[in-house]
């Protein structure tokens, strides 16, 4: 019931933005200086209802069972607990079990992308953004490119960065952002970050970036500047001016 109420309020807020010219002008002015558009991947550039990450979570649990010799129930608990504590399951496995990240990443991303469908409207909105479009994911860059191809978004991004580009440190760690943003030569004062995990917007906010939480769940926090449950519509509003 609470989730339905939050979603109703979010749709009302988005409708108000579309119908209120002054609110739209203020939003456009906020993003006017932006020339670097940084996007998370999972549940950001495709909607959560496509359930792609369910396959990855199942493979994570199976990998932990095989590698650490624990029960599926223990492995599933570790997967969730490490994600909450360290930002990713991999980060927890590396810190607490000295896991080699590469075999793990290769294994858990060996999935089917058939659940994803192309999104021409989203592709057009991203293509219309001024400046650079960049992917930064806690998955691998190779995995990200498979997702982009399945969504009809390949060729739209100037750079794709994965967790390997951050020295296997995960978002939301500040050093992970520092690694990737240095490689991207990112001007954070003129950049925006789009993320489904609100935790991962804290560092971008601190660096002076505009932040957009892409989620049905509303997060009231200083580091969340904007909220949307429809990335395509949000970007269309920005590029329509």
Protein backbone atom coordinates (compact mmCIF):
# COMPACT_ATOMS: atom_id res chain seq x y z
CA UNK A 1 0.00 0.00 0.00
CA UNK A 2 2.81 2.44 0.89
CA UNK A 3 4.67 1.63 -2.35
CA UNK A 4 1.53 2.29 -4.42
CA UNK A 5 1.05 5.60 -2.61
CA UNK A 6 4.69 6.62 -3.25
CA UNK A 7 4.36 5.71 -6.92
CA UNK A 8 1.15 7.70 -7.19
CA UNK A 9 2.85 10.72 -5.63
CA UNK A 10 5.84 10.37 -7.97
CA UNK A 11 3.59 10.25 -11.04
CA UNK A 12 1.75 13.29 -9.73
CA UNK A 13 5.03 15.17 -9.26
CA UNK A 14 6.18 14.29 -12.78
CA UNK A 15 2.82 15.33 -14.21
CA UNK A 16 3.07 18.62 -12.32
CA UNK A 17 6.52 19.21 -13.79
CA UNK A 18 5.26 18.59 -17.32
CA UNK A 19 2.25 20.88 -16.84
CA UNK A 20 3.98 23.65 -14.89
CA UNK A 21 6.11 25.76 -17.25
CA UNK A 22 8.00 27.49 -14.42
CA UNK A 23 8.97 24.17 -12.81
CA UNK A 24 10.17 22.90 -16.17
CA UNK A 25 12.21 26.07 -16.80
CA UNK A 26 13.88 25.72 -13.39
CA UNK A 27 14.72 22.08 -14.13
CA UNK A 28 16.15 22.92 -17.55
CA UNK A 29 18.26 25.71 -16.05
CA UNK A 30 19.72 23.26 -13.54
CA UNK A 31 20.98 21.01 -16.33
CA UNK A 32 21.94 23.75 -18.80
CA UNK A 33 25.71 23.63 -18.00
CA UNK A 34 25.90 19.83 -18.14
CA UNK A 35 28.21 18.42 -20.79
CA UNK A 36 29.02 15.03 -19.25
CA UNK A 37 26.07 12.68 -18.70
CA UNK A 38 27.02 9.63 -16.60
CA UNK A 39 24.60 6.69 -16.51
CA UNK A 40 24.52 3.62 -14.34
CA UNK A 41 23.45 0.49 -16.21
CA UNK A 42 21.36 -2.10 -14.37
CA UNK A 43 17.80 -1.01 -13.58
CA UNK A 44 18.69 2.43 -14.96
CA UNK A 45 19.04 1.96 -18.73
CA UNK A 46 16.46 -0.81 -18.65
CA UNK A 47 13.40 -1.00 -16.37
CA UNK A 48 13.49 -3.31 -13.34
CA UNK A 49 10.45 -5.25 -14.56
CA UNK A 50 12.63 -6.85 -17.24
CA UNK A 51 14.29 -8.76 -14.37
CA UNK A 52 17.67 -9.14 -16.03
CA UNK A 53 19.53 -8.88 -12.72
CA UNK A 54 17.60 -11.85 -11.33
CA UNK A 55 19.79 -14.07 -13.51
CA UNK A 56 22.95 -12.47 -12.16
CA UNK A 57 21.82 -12.85 -8.55
CA UNK A 58 21.12 -16.56 -9.12
CA UNK A 59 24.57 -17.05 -10.62
CA UNK A 60 26.17 -15.13 -7.72
CA UNK A 61 24.55 -17.48 -5.23
CA UNK A 62 25.59 -20.56 -7.21
CA UNK A 63 29.17 -19.29 -7.52
CA UNK A 64 29.41 -18.71 -3.76
CA UNK A 65 28.07 -22.22 -3.07
CA UNK A 66 30.67 -23.81 -5.34
CA UNK A 67 33.59 -21.64 -4.26
CA UNK A 68 33.07 -21.40 -0.50
CA UNK A 69 31.30 -24.72 0.09
CA UNK A 70 28.34 -23.18 1.88
CA UNK A 71 24.65 -23.98 1.54
CA UNK A 72 22.47 -22.09 -0.94
CA UNK A 73 20.73 -20.39 1.99
CA UNK A 74 24.05 -19.23 3.45
CA UNK A 75 25.25 -18.10 0.04
CA UNK A 76 22.08 -16.11 -0.60
CA UNK A 77 22.44 -14.44 2.79
CA UNK A 78 26.07 -13.54 2.06
CA UNK A 79 25.14 -12.15 -1.34
CA UNK A 80 22.61 -9.72 0.13
CA UNK A 81 24.62 -8.89 3.23
CA UNK A 82 27.78 -8.06 1.33
CA UNK A 83 25.82 -5.89 -1.12
CA UNK A 84 24.37 -3.88 1.76
CA UNK A 85 27.66 -3.62 3.65
CA UNK A 86 30.20 -3.13 0.86
CA UNK A 87 28.24 -1.85 -2.12
CA UNK A 88 28.57 -5.06 -4.14
CA UNK A 89 28.65 -8.76 -3.35
CA UNK A 90 32.02 -8.96 -5.08
CA UNK A 91 33.55 -6.35 -2.77
CA UNK A 92 32.52 -8.40 0.26
CA UNK A 93 33.87 -11.61 -1.23
CA UNK A 94 37.19 -9.93 -2.01
CA UNK A 95 37.56 -8.39 1.44
CA UNK A 96 36.38 -11.32 3.54
CA UNK A 97 37.42 -14.30 1.39
CA UNK A 98 40.26 -12.95 -0.79
CA UNK A 99 38.31 -13.86 -3.91
CA UNK A 100 39.86 -13.44 -7.36
CA UNK A 101 37.39 -11.06 -9.06
CA UNK A 102 37.89 -11.99 -12.71
CA UNK A 103 36.54 -15.59 -12.69
CA UNK A 104 33.61 -14.41 -10.58
CA UNK A 105 32.74 -11.55 -12.94
CA UNK A 106 33.06 -13.78 -15.99
CA UNK A 107 30.77 -16.37 -14.44
CA UNK A 108 27.98 -14.21 -13.02
CA UNK A 109 27.59 -12.22 -16.25
CA UNK A 110 27.17 -15.36 -18.39
CA UNK A 111 23.45 -14.79 -18.83
CA UNK A 112 20.76 -14.43 -21.49
CA UNK A 113 19.92 -10.91 -22.65
CA UNK A 114 16.73 -12.01 -24.40
CA UNK A 115 14.56 -10.36 -21.71
CA UNK A 116 15.76 -6.93 -22.89
CA UNK A 117 14.07 -5.12 -25.76
CA UNK A 118 15.24 -2.14 -27.83
CA UNK A 119 14.05 1.29 -26.74
CA UNK A 120 14.17 3.71 -29.69
CA UNK A 121 12.70 6.59 -27.65
CA UNK A 122 15.39 6.30 -24.99
CA UNK A 123 18.05 6.00 -27.69
CA UNK A 124 16.83 9.21 -29.34
CA UNK A 125 16.78 11.08 -26.03
CA UNK A 126 20.34 10.04 -25.17
CA UNK A 127 21.56 10.88 -28.69
CA UNK A 128 20.11 14.40 -28.31
CA UNK A 129 22.03 15.20 -25.12
CA UNK A 130 24.73 17.87 -25.55
CA UNK A 131 28.28 16.73 -24.78
CA UNK A 132 29.37 13.23 -23.78
CA UNK A 133 27.31 10.26 -22.63
CA UNK A 134 29.18 7.81 -20.38
CA UNK A 135 28.37 4.47 -18.77
CA UNK A 136 29.69 3.69 -15.30
CA UNK A 137 28.54 0.37 -13.85
CA UNK A 138 29.51 -1.92 -10.99
CA UNK A 139 29.36 -4.70 -13.57
CA UNK A 140 32.00 -5.14 -16.23
CA UNK A 141 32.39 -3.01 -19.34
CA UNK A 142 31.99 -6.12 -21.50
CA UNK A 143 28.68 -6.94 -19.80
CA UNK A 144 27.56 -3.33 -20.21
CA UNK A 145 28.13 -3.49 -23.96
CA UNK A 146 25.93 -6.59 -24.21
CA UNK A 147 23.15 -4.73 -22.39
CA UNK A 148 23.52 -1.68 -24.61
CA UNK A 149 23.31 -3.81 -27.75
CA UNK A 150 20.17 -5.58 -26.52
CA UNK A 151 18.54 -2.23 -25.71
CA UNK A 152 19.47 -0.67 -29.05
CA UNK A 153 21.74 1.83 -27.30
CA UNK A 154 25.12 0.77 -28.66
CA UNK A 155 27.08 3.50 -30.42
CA UNK A 156 25.54 6.25 -28.28
CA UNK A 157 28.13 6.36 -25.51
CA UNK A 158 31.54 7.97 -25.65
CA UNK A 159 32.96 5.66 -22.98
CA UNK A 160 31.96 2.59 -21.00
CA UNK A 161 33.53 1.99 -17.58
CA UNK A 162 33.09 -1.10 -15.43
CA UNK A 163 34.20 -2.14 -11.98
CA UNK A 164 37.52 -3.31 -13.44
CA UNK A 165 38.26 0.32 -14.41
CA UNK A 166 37.84 1.28 -10.75
CA UNK A 167 40.40 -1.25 -9.54
CA UNK A 168 37.48 -3.53 -8.56
CA UNK A 169 36.35 -0.99 -5.98
CA UNK A 170 32.57 -0.57 -6.14
CA UNK A 171 30.32 2.41 -6.12
CA UNK A 172 29.54 3.98 -3.64
CA UNK A 173 33.21 4.16 -2.54
CA UNK A 174 34.73 7.58 -3.22
CA UNK A 175 37.96 6.06 -4.55
CA UNK A 176 36.02 4.10 -7.16
CA UNK A 177 34.53 7.31 -8.53
CA UNK A 178 37.95 8.97 -8.39
CA UNK A 179 39.48 6.21 -10.54
CA UNK A 180 36.78 6.32 -13.19
CA UNK A 181 36.26 10.07 -13.30
CA UNK A 182 40.01 10.61 -13.68
CA UNK A 183 40.09 8.24 -16.66
CA UNK A 184 37.08 10.02 -18.15
CA UNK A 185 38.63 13.44 -17.52
CA UNK A 186 35.26 14.39 -16.07
CA UNK A 187 34.43 17.97 -15.11
CA UNK A 188 32.15 17.17 -12.20
CA UNK A 189 30.88 20.75 -11.93
CA UNK A 190 29.34 20.34 -15.39
CA UNK A 191 28.18 16.74 -15.12
CA UNK A 192 25.13 14.72 -14.12
CA UNK A 193 24.77 11.21 -12.69
CA UNK A 194 21.78 8.89 -13.22
CA UNK A 195 21.48 5.95 -10.79
CA UNK A 196 18.90 3.49 -9.51
CA UNK A 197 20.78 3.05 -6.18
CA UNK A 198 20.54 6.27 -4.18
CA UNK A 199 23.67 5.39 -2.19
CA UNK A 200 25.69 5.79 -5.37
CA UNK A 201 24.65 9.43 -5.72
CA UNK A 202 26.29 10.60 -2.49
CA UNK A 203 29.78 11.04 -3.94
CA UNK A 204 28.58 12.66 -7.20
CA UNK A 205 26.58 15.13 -5.11
CA UNK A 206 29.66 15.92 -3.00
CA UNK A 207 31.65 16.49 -6.20
CA UNK A 208 29.16 19.05 -7.47
CA UNK A 209 27.34 16.88 -10.01
CA UNK A 210 23.60 17.01 -10.64
CA UNK A 211 22.08 13.75 -9.40
CA UNK A 212 19.03 11.88 -10.64
CA UNK A 213 17.59 8.87 -8.82
CA UNK A 214 15.96 6.56 -11.39
CA UNK A 215 13.57 4.50 -9.33
CA UNK A 216 9.96 3.89 -8.35
CA UNK A 217 11.08 4.35 -4.74
CA UNK A 218 11.26 7.96 -3.58
CA UNK A 219 14.35 8.91 -1.57
CA UNK A 220 14.25 12.16 0.37
CA UNK A 221 17.90 13.15 0.83
CA UNK A 222 20.15 16.12 0.08
CA UNK A 223 22.25 14.05 -2.32
CA UNK A 224 19.20 13.21 -4.47
CA UNK A 225 18.45 16.32 -6.52
CA UNK A 226 15.90 14.85 -8.92
CA UNK A 227 13.76 11.72 -8.99
CA UNK A 228 12.09 9.89 -11.87
CA UNK A 229 10.55 6.52 -12.58
CA UNK A 230 10.72 7.20 -16.34
CA UNK A 231 14.23 7.98 -17.59
CA UNK A 232 13.10 8.45 -21.18
CA UNK A 233 10.49 11.07 -20.27
CA UNK A 234 12.95 12.84 -17.96
CA UNK A 235 15.58 13.14 -20.72
CA UNK A 236 12.97 14.14 -23.29
CA UNK A 237 12.02 17.10 -21.09
CA UNK A 238 15.67 18.15 -20.97
CA UNK A 239 16.37 17.96 -24.69
CA UNK A 240 13.05 19.39 -25.87
CA UNK A 241 14.00 22.99 -25.01
